[in-house]
C-alpha atoms as a PDB file:
ATOM      1  CA  MET A   1      -0.235   0.236  -0.143  1.00  0.00           C
ATOM      2  CA  LYS A   2       3.088   1.948   0.782  1.00  0.00           C
ATOM      3  CA  LYS A   3       4.458   1.827  -2.504  1.00  0.00           C
ATOM      4  CA  ILE A   4       1.020   2.812  -4.338  1.00  0.00           C
ATOM      5  CA  LEU A   5       0.638   5.730  -2.342  1.00  0.00           C
ATOM      6  CA  ALA A   6       4.481   6.904  -2.481  1.00  0.00           C
ATOM      7  CA  LEU A   7       3.807   5.884  -6.588  1.00  0.00           C
ATOM      8  CA  CYS A   8       0.898   8.315  -6.586  1.00  0.00           C
ATOM      9  CA  LEU A   9       2.508  11.323  -4.829  1.00  0.00           C
ATOM     10  CA  VAL A  10       5.291  10.878  -7.745  1.00  0.00           C
ATOM     11  CA  ALA A  11       2.875  10.957 -10.114  1.00  0.00           C
ATOM     12  CA  LEU A  12       1.348  14.424  -9.091  1.00  0.00           C
ATOM     13  CA  LEU A  13       4.718  16.160  -8.419  1.00  0.00           C
ATOM     14  CA  LEU A  14       5.190  14.982 -12.453  1.00  0.00           C
ATOM     15  CA  SER A  15       1.796  16.618 -13.426  1.00  0.00           C
ATOM     16  CA  CYS A  16       2.494  19.680 -11.431  1.00  0.00           C
ATOM     17  CA  ASN A  17       6.114  20.241 -13.106  1.00  0.00           C
ATOM     18  CA  ALA A  18       4.681  19.515 -16.200  1.00  0.00           C
ATOM     19  CA  LYS A  19       5.306  22.324 -18.609  1.00  0.00           C
ATOM     20  CA  GLU A  20       1.661  22.323 -20.539  1.00  0.00           C
ATOM     21  CA  VAL A  21       1.768  24.607 -23.553  1.00  0.00           C
ATOM     22  CA  GLN A  22      -1.316  26.349 -25.700  1.00  0.00           C
ATOM     23  CA  THR A  23      -1.276  26.571 -29.643  1.00  0.00           C
ATOM     24  CA  VAL A  24      -1.823  29.752 -30.827  1.00  0.00           C
ATOM     25  CA  THR A  25      -3.558  30.511 -34.494  1.00  0.00           C
ATOM     26  CA  ILE A  26      -3.546  34.289 -35.420  1.00  0.00           C
ATOM     27  CA  LYS A  27      -5.698  35.455 -38.292  1.00  0.00           C
ATOM     28  CA  ASN A  28      -4.954  31.689 -40.232  1.00  0.00           C
ATOM     29  CA  GLN A  29      -1.341  33.054 -40.867  1.00  0.00           C
ATOM     30  CA  TYR A  30       0.617  31.669 -38.021  1.00  0.00           C
ATOM     31  CA  SER A  31       0.872  29.789 -34.973  1.00  0.00           C
ATOM     32  CA  VAL A  32       2.824  29.475 -31.674  1.00  0.00           C
ATOM     33  CA  GLN A  33       3.174  27.628 -28.882  1.00  0.00           C
ATOM     34  CA  LEU A  34       3.321  29.136 -25.321  1.00  0.00           C
ATOM     35  CA  PRO A  35       2.742  28.249 -22.071  1.00  0.00           C
ATOM     36  CA  ASP A  36      -0.346  27.124 -20.752  1.00  0.00           C
ATOM     37  CA  PHE A  37       0.376  30.410 -18.013  1.00  0.00           C
ATOM     38  CA  LEU A  38       0.172  32.465 -20.036  1.00  0.00           C
ATOM     39  CA  SER A  39      -2.666  34.875 -20.522  1.00  0.00           C
ATOM     40  CA  LYS A  40      -4.133  37.639 -24.095  1.00  0.00           C
ATOM     41  CA  ALA A  41      -2.880  40.653 -23.271  1.00  0.00           C
ATOM     42  CA  LYS A  42      -3.387  44.251 -25.142  1.00  0.00           C
ATOM     43  CA  ASP A  43      -0.933  46.855 -24.292  1.00  0.00           C
ATOM     44  CA  LEU A  44       2.373  44.827 -24.478  1.00  0.00           C
ATOM     45  CA  HIS A  45       3.283  46.134 -28.346  1.00  0.00           C
ATOM     46  CA  GLN A  46       0.772  48.122 -29.809  1.00  0.00           C
ATOM     47  CA  ASP A  47       1.670  47.141 -33.418  1.00  0.00           C
ATOM     48  CA  ALA A  48       1.712  43.555 -32.466  1.00  0.00           C
ATOM     49  CA  SER A  49      -0.818  41.081 -33.464  1.00  0.00           C
ATOM     50  CA  LEU A  50       0.137  38.153 -30.998  1.00  0.00           C
ATOM     51  CA  GLN A  51       0.492  39.640 -26.792  1.00  0.00           C
ATOM     52  CA  TYR A  52       1.004  37.150 -23.979  1.00  0.00           C
ATOM     53  CA  GLN A  53       1.680  37.981 -20.894  1.00  0.00           C
ATOM     54  CA  ASN A  54       1.803  36.695 -16.668  1.00  0.00           C
ATOM     55  CA  ALA A  55       2.773  39.472 -15.180  1.00  0.00           C
ATOM     56  CA  LEU A  56       3.700  37.822 -11.869  1.00  0.00           C
ATOM     57  CA  ARG A  57       5.785  36.103 -13.224  1.00  0.00           C
ATOM     58  CA  GLU A  58       7.247  39.342 -15.128  1.00  0.00           C
ATOM     59  CA  PHE A  59       6.860  36.870 -18.597  1.00  0.00           C
ATOM     60  CA  TYR A  60       6.107  38.393 -21.671  1.00  0.00           C
ATOM     61  CA  VAL A  61       6.012  37.520 -25.430  1.00  0.00           C
ATOM     62  CA  VAL A  62       5.468  39.794 -28.542  1.00  0.00           C
ATOM     63  CA  VAL A  63       4.823  38.920 -31.971  1.00  0.00           C
ATOM     64  CA  ILE A  64       4.440  41.555 -34.307  1.00  0.00           C
ATOM     65  CA  ASP A  65       3.996  41.255 -38.616  1.00  0.00           C
ATOM     66  CA  GLU A  66       4.428  43.100 -41.309  1.00  0.00           C
ATOM     67  CA  PRO A  67       4.130  43.025 -44.805  1.00  0.00           C
ATOM     68  CA  LYS A  68       7.846  42.629 -46.503  1.00  0.00           C
ATOM     69  CA  LYS A  69       6.396  45.024 -49.456  1.00  0.00           C
ATOM     70  CA  GLU A  70       6.191  48.157 -46.513  1.00  0.00           C
ATOM     71  CA  PHE A  71       9.904  47.124 -45.925  1.00  0.00           C
ATOM     72  CA  TYR A  72      11.344  46.972 -48.973  1.00  0.00           C
ATOM     73  CA  ALA A  73       9.510  50.337 -49.785  1.00  0.00           C
ATOM     74  CA  ILE A  74      10.795  52.499 -46.707  1.00  0.00           C
ATOM     75  CA  ALA A  75      14.715  51.112 -47.475  1.00  0.00           C
ATOM     76  CA  GLU A  76      14.730  51.461 -51.065  1.00  0.00           C
ATOM     77  CA  THR A  77      14.914  55.733 -49.802  1.00  0.00           C
ATOM     78  CA  THR A  78      17.968  55.357 -47.990  1.00  0.00           C
ATOM     79  CA  GLU A  79      21.045  53.885 -48.466  1.00  0.00           C
ATOM     80  CA  ASP A  80      21.157  52.656 -44.291  1.00  0.00           C
ATOM     81  CA  PHE A  81      20.432  49.431 -44.565  1.00  0.00           C
ATOM     82  CA  PRO A  82      19.846  46.670 -47.225  1.00  0.00           C
ATOM     83  CA  ALA A  83      16.210  45.732 -48.648  1.00  0.00           C
ATOM     84  CA  ASP A  84      15.889  42.453 -47.837  1.00  0.00           C
ATOM     85  CA  PHE A  85      15.984  40.222 -44.638  1.00  0.00           C
ATOM     86  CA  ASN A  86      19.705  41.169 -43.554  1.00  0.00           C
ATOM     87  CA  GLY A  87      18.817  44.360 -43.338  1.00  0.00           C
ATOM     88  CA  TYR A  88      15.623  43.806 -40.716  1.00  0.00           C
ATOM     89  CA  HIS A  89      17.992  42.113 -38.585  1.00  0.00           C
ATOM     90  CA  GLN A  90      19.946  45.186 -39.301  1.00  0.00           C
ATOM     91  CA  ILE A  91      17.275  47.925 -38.500  1.00  0.00           C
ATOM     92  CA  LEU A  92      15.106  46.161 -35.781  1.00  0.00           C
ATOM     93  CA  LYS A  93      18.294  45.222 -33.575  1.00  0.00           C
ATOM     94  CA  ASN A  94      19.806  48.676 -34.171  1.00  0.00           C
ATOM     95  CA  GLY A  95      16.984  49.881 -32.290  1.00  0.00           C
ATOM     96  CA  LEU A  96      17.262  47.489 -29.582  1.00  0.00           C
ATOM     97  CA  GLU A  97      20.460  48.611 -28.385  1.00  0.00           C
ATOM     98  CA  GLU A  98      19.807  51.726 -28.579  1.00  0.00           C
ATOM     99  CA  GLY A  99      16.884  51.378 -26.734  1.00  0.00           C
ATOM    100  CA  ILE A 100      18.661  49.678 -23.398  1.00  0.00           C
ATOM    101  CA  GLN A 101      21.356  50.749 -21.426  1.00  0.00           C
ATOM    102  CA  ASP A 102      24.865  48.065 -20.178  1.00  0.00           C
ATOM    103  CA  ILE A 103      23.151  45.464 -23.139  1.00  0.00           C
ATOM    104  CA  GLN A 104      24.902  42.233 -23.849  1.00  0.00           C
ATOM    105  CA  ILE A 105      23.983  40.387 -26.877  1.00  0.00           C
ATOM    106  CA  THR A 106      24.780  36.701 -27.903  1.00  0.00           C
ATOM    107  CA  PRO A 107      25.790  36.482 -31.818  1.00  0.00           C
ATOM    108  CA  THR A 108      23.040  36.747 -34.555  1.00  0.00           C
ATOM    109  CA  LYS A 109      22.803  32.772 -35.175  1.00  0.00           C
ATOM    110  CA  ASP A 110      20.984  32.408 -38.385  1.00  0.00           C
ATOM    111  CA  THR A 111      19.225  29.128 -38.711  1.00  0.00           C
ATOM    112  CA  GLN A 112      15.485  28.022 -39.155  1.00  0.00           C
ATOM    113  CA  ILE A 113      12.790  27.850 -38.105  1.00  0.00           C
ATOM    114  CA  ASN A 114      10.128  25.266 -39.221  1.00  0.00           C
ATOM    115  CA  GLY A 115      11.336  26.005 -42.905  1.00  0.00           C
ATOM    116  CA  LEU A 116      11.764  29.605 -42.571  1.00  0.00           C
ATOM    117  CA  LYS A 117      15.153  31.376 -42.671  1.00  0.00           C
ATOM    118  CA  ALA A 118      15.574  33.163 -38.991  1.00  0.00           C
ATOM    119  CA  LYS A 119      17.657  35.046 -37.588  1.00  0.00           C
ATOM    120  CA  THR A 120      18.093  34.347 -33.361  1.00  0.00           C
ATOM    121  CA  PHE A 121      19.473  36.331 -30.554  1.00  0.00           C
ATOM    122  CA  SER A 122      19.864  36.766 -26.712  1.00  0.00           C
ATOM    123  CA  LEU A 123      20.109  40.413 -24.710  1.00  0.00           C
ATOM    124  CA  THR A 124      20.925  41.099 -21.973  1.00  0.00           C
ATOM    125  CA  GLY A 125      20.453  44.887 -19.935  1.00  0.00           C
ATOM    126  CA  GLU A 126      18.652  47.330 -18.227  1.00  0.00           C
ATOM    127  CA  ILE A 127      15.095  49.415 -19.596  1.00  0.00           C
ATOM    128  CA  GLY A 128      15.556  52.159 -16.900  1.00  0.00           C
ATOM    129  CA  THR A 129      16.462  50.537 -13.549  1.00  0.00           C
ATOM    130  CA  ILE A 130      15.141  46.748 -14.213  1.00  0.00           C
ATOM    131  CA  PRO A 131      17.375  44.619 -15.999  1.00  0.00           C
ATOM    132  CA  VAL A 132      15.723  41.903 -18.382  1.00  0.00           C
ATOM    133  CA  TYR A 133      16.966  39.579 -20.476  1.00  0.00           C
ATOM    134  CA  TYR A 134      15.552  38.907 -24.238  1.00  0.00           C
ATOM    135  CA  GLU A 135      14.970  36.158 -26.399  1.00  0.00           C
ATOM    136  CA  VAL A 136      14.363  37.401 -30.072  1.00  0.00           C
ATOM    137  CA  ALA A 137      13.911  35.827 -33.897  1.00  0.00           C
ATOM    138  CA  TYR A 138      13.437  37.587 -36.352  1.00  0.00           C
ATOM    139  CA  VAL A 139      11.983  35.141 -39.018  1.00  0.00           C
ATOM    140  CA  GLU A 140      11.482  35.475 -42.972  1.00  0.00           C
ATOM    141  CA  GLY A 141       7.649  34.133 -43.693  1.00  0.00           C
ATOM    142  CA  LYS A 142       6.226  34.240 -47.852  1.00  0.00           C
ATOM    143  CA  ASP A 143       5.090  37.748 -47.940  1.00  0.00           C
ATOM    144  CA  LYS A 144       6.062  39.150 -44.077  1.00  0.00           C
ATOM    145  CA  PHE A 145       8.741  39.696 -41.658  1.00  0.00           C
ATOM    146  CA  TYR A 146       7.657  38.828 -38.236  1.00  0.00           C
ATOM    147  CA  GLN A 147       9.262  39.699 -35.331  1.00  0.00           C
ATOM    148  CA  ILE A 148       9.081  37.209 -32.329  1.00  0.00           C
ATOM    149  CA  VAL A 149      10.101  38.866 -28.873  1.00  0.00           C
ATOM    150  CA  THR A 150      10.026  37.121 -25.263  1.00  0.00           C
ATOM    151  CA  TRP A 151      11.130  38.439 -22.727  1.00  0.00           C
ATOM    152  CA  THR A 152      11.485  38.183 -18.671  1.00  0.00           C
ATOM    153  CA  LEU A 153      13.733  40.076 -15.684  1.00  0.00           C
ATOM    154  CA  LYS A 154      17.274  39.612 -15.628  1.00  0.00           C
ATOM    155  CA  ASP A 155      17.037  37.152 -12.222  1.00  0.00           C
ATOM    156  CA  ASN A 156      14.362  34.636 -14.160  1.00  0.00           C
ATOM    157  CA  LYS A 157      16.296  33.918 -16.775  1.00  0.00           C
ATOM    158  CA  GLU A 158      17.479  30.701 -15.731  1.00  0.00           C
ATOM    159  CA  LYS A 159      13.528  29.900 -14.597  1.00  0.00           C
ATOM    160  CA  TYR A 160      12.613  30.838 -17.778  1.00  0.00           C
ATOM    161  CA  ALA A 161      15.074  30.375 -20.785  1.00  0.00           C
ATOM    162  CA  GLU A 162      14.391  27.059 -21.905  1.00  0.00           C
ATOM    163  CA  GLN A 163      10.608  28.223 -22.289  1.00  0.00           C
ATOM    164  CA  MET A 164      11.513  30.799 -24.014  1.00  0.00           C
ATOM    165  CA  GLN A 165      14.038  29.435 -26.749  1.00  0.00           C
ATOM    166  CA  ASN A 166      10.644  27.219 -27.050  1.00  0.00           C
ATOM    167  CA  ILE A 167       7.635  29.716 -27.875  1.00  0.00           C
ATOM    168  CA  VAL A 168      10.652  30.861 -30.832  1.00  0.00           C
ATOM    169  CA  SER A 169      11.529  27.249 -32.380  1.00  0.00           C
ATOM    170  CA  SER A 170       7.703  26.415 -32.322  1.00  0.00           C
ATOM    171  CA  PHE A 171       6.794  29.265 -34.712  1.00  0.00           C
ATOM    172  CA  LYS A 172       4.772  27.827 -37.947  1.00  0.00           C
ATOM    173  CA  GLU A 173       3.312  29.733 -41.212  1.00  0.00           C
ATOM    174  CA  THR A 174      -0.088  28.870 -41.367  1.00  0.00           C
ATOM    175  CA  GLY A 175      -2.519  28.731 -43.750  1.00  0.00           C
ATOM    176  CA  THR A 176      -3.531  31.251 -46.017  1.00  0.00           C
ATOM    177  CA  ALA A 177       0.552  31.949 -45.792  1.00  0.00           C
ATOM    178  CA  ARG A 178       1.759  28.815 -46.605  1.00  0.00           C
ATOM    179  CA  SER A 179      -1.206  27.594 -49.199  1.00  0.00           C
ATOM    180  CA  ASN A 180      -0.204  30.888 -51.001  1.00  0.00           C
ATOM    181  CA  ASP A 181       3.304  29.103 -50.798  1.00  0.00           C
ATOM    182  CA  ARG A 182       2.469  25.739 -51.888  1.00  0.00           C
ATOM    183  CA  SER A 183       0.335  27.126 -54.999  1.00  0.00           C
ATOM    184  CA  LYS A 184       3.274  29.229 -56.775  1.00  0.00           C
ATOM    185  CA  LYS A 185       5.065  26.339 -56.773  1.00  0.00           C
END
């Protein structure tokens, strides 16, 4: 009997520590898997198509999608950055560097996320007097560029870094975006 109770207790503890996720799909355009302790938010970023948070845990995620054509039109008016995915990465990363003090950035990694070209990096720094940790990915989709930005307090880095990386790596273009790609092949 004691063995059965001990096994039940272990199973209960393991289920409480399980990292449950929810798949969120936005406008039949993309999906991302988020920890189930996050809930919808409305005021993290005015241009974000996805905003989730847990304010008590100081854990946040936004996804911003932008039509490539709009970026190309702006890029063609300047020589500061190229009108391509590298230029998109360059201008956004520069913006982050300007907005965060005492910044330490990992080298950008050129990779693929579910078949899409991506650039990922992490950073620590301070916003005002608040020490922060970010996991960031810029992704090139069929007709859009995406920014996937997750952040927490620097003290929570070890606690949430894996979940933040999992969010980034779960990103997928879905529905219309992918079917448009297939119809042109």
